[in-house]
Amino acid sequence: LVTVGDANDAALAQTDGSLAGRILRTTAAGAVPADNPDPASLEWCRGLRNPFGIAVNRATGGVFVTENGPTSNDELNYAVAGKN
């Protein structure tokens, strides 16, 4: 799993075809996993402004992402495959 910020363009986090503002999921070789929400895309989930940290609960598989606001209002998000 890799976090990608919105490249200072908030609209990109919601733009189809963009990889900005996303969590990307790849195989160890960099390919798209067959069980990604869209097996033709690295996108695992979208709609993030500026994700910095990511952690996976090994027992449950839950994915948690920290997202930084512009000057405040940082968030801790529970990320779900295919969701916004």
Protein backbone atom coordinates (compact mmCIF):
# COMPACT_ATOMS: atom_id res chain seq x y z
CA LEU A 1 0.00 0.00 0.00
CA VAL A 2 1.22 3.47 -0.94
CA THR A 3 -0.34 6.83 -0.06
CA VAL A 4 -0.43 9.60 -2.68
CA GLY A 5 -1.44 13.19 -1.94
CA ASP A 6 -3.72 15.30 -4.12
CA ALA A 7 -0.77 17.20 -5.69
CA ASN A 8 -2.17 20.48 -4.31
CA ASP A 9 -5.28 20.08 -6.50
CA ALA A 10 -8.17 18.84 -4.36
CA ALA A 11 -10.28 17.97 -7.42
CA LEU A 12 -7.80 15.26 -8.44
CA ALA A 13 -8.76 13.16 -5.40
CA GLN A 14 -12.20 12.70 -7.02
CA THR A 15 -11.15 12.64 -10.70
CA ASP A 16 -11.53 9.33 -12.51
CA GLY A 17 -8.24 8.23 -14.06
CA SER A 18 -6.12 10.24 -11.63
CA LEU A 19 -3.95 8.50 -9.04
CA ALA A 20 -3.65 11.63 -6.86
CA GLY A 21 -5.40 11.60 -3.48
CA ARG A 22 -5.40 7.81 -3.36
CA ILE A 23 -4.13 4.76 -1.61
CA LEU A 24 -2.53 2.56 -4.23
CA ARG A 25 -2.06 -1.19 -3.86
CA THR A 26 0.56 -3.12 -5.82
CA THR A 27 2.19 -6.50 -5.83
CA ALA A 28 5.82 -6.75 -4.70
CA ALA A 29 6.78 -6.53 -8.40
CA GLY A 30 4.75 -3.32 -8.89
CA ALA A 31 1.86 -4.90 -10.80
CA VAL A 32 -1.85 -4.42 -10.14
CA PRO A 33 -3.19 -7.16 -7.84
CA ALA A 34 -5.99 -9.14 -9.47
CA ASP A 35 -8.23 -8.55 -6.44
CA ASN A 36 -7.93 -4.74 -6.44
CA PRO A 37 -11.36 -3.06 -6.65
CA ASP A 38 -10.57 -2.35 -10.34
CA PRO A 39 -8.16 -5.05 -11.56
CA ALA A 40 -6.90 -2.63 -14.23
CA SER A 41 -5.87 0.08 -11.73
CA LEU A 42 -3.49 0.51 -8.80
CA GLU A 43 -6.23 2.54 -7.04
CA TRP A 44 -7.33 0.84 -3.83
CA CYS A 45 -9.35 3.77 -2.41
CA ARG A 46 -9.71 7.48 -3.19
CA GLY A 47 -10.74 10.85 -1.85
CA LEU A 48 -7.76 11.68 0.36
CA ARG A 49 -6.30 15.16 0.55
CA ASN A 50 -2.86 14.62 1.98
CA PRO A 51 -2.32 11.14 3.45
CA PHE A 52 0.97 10.80 5.31
CA GLY A 53 0.92 7.69 7.43
CA ILE A 54 -0.52 4.25 6.89
CA ALA A 55 -0.79 1.24 9.18
CA VAL A 56 -2.33 -2.20 8.73
CA ASN A 57 -3.74 -4.18 11.63
CA ARG A 58 -2.19 -7.61 11.06
CA ALA A 59 -4.94 -9.42 12.97
CA THR A 60 -7.90 -7.87 11.12
CA GLY A 61 -6.37 -6.47 7.92
CA GLY A 62 -7.87 -3.05 8.75
CA VAL A 63 -6.09 -0.11 7.11
CA PHE A 64 -5.69 3.18 8.97
CA VAL A 65 -4.44 6.35 7.28
CA THR A 66 -3.46 9.72 8.74
CA GLU A 67 -4.51 12.64 6.60
CA ASN A 68 -3.11 16.13 7.16
CA GLY A 69 -5.27 19.22 6.76
CA PRO A 70 -3.89 22.44 5.28
CA THR A 71 -3.00 23.96 8.69
CA SER A 72 -5.14 21.95 11.14
CA ASN A 73 -7.99 19.42 11.25
CA ASP A 74 -5.76 16.38 10.75
CA GLU A 75 -7.66 13.09 10.59
CA LEU A 76 -7.27 9.41 11.26
CA ASN A 77 -9.24 7.48 8.64
CA TYR A 78 -10.25 3.85 8.38
CA ALA A 79 -9.70 3.05 4.70
CA VAL A 80 -11.76 0.48 2.83
CA ALA A 81 -11.02 -0.99 -0.61
CA GLY A 82 -13.07 0.61 -3.37
CA LYS A 83 -14.45 3.35 -1.13
CA ASN A 84 -14.18 7.11 -1.15
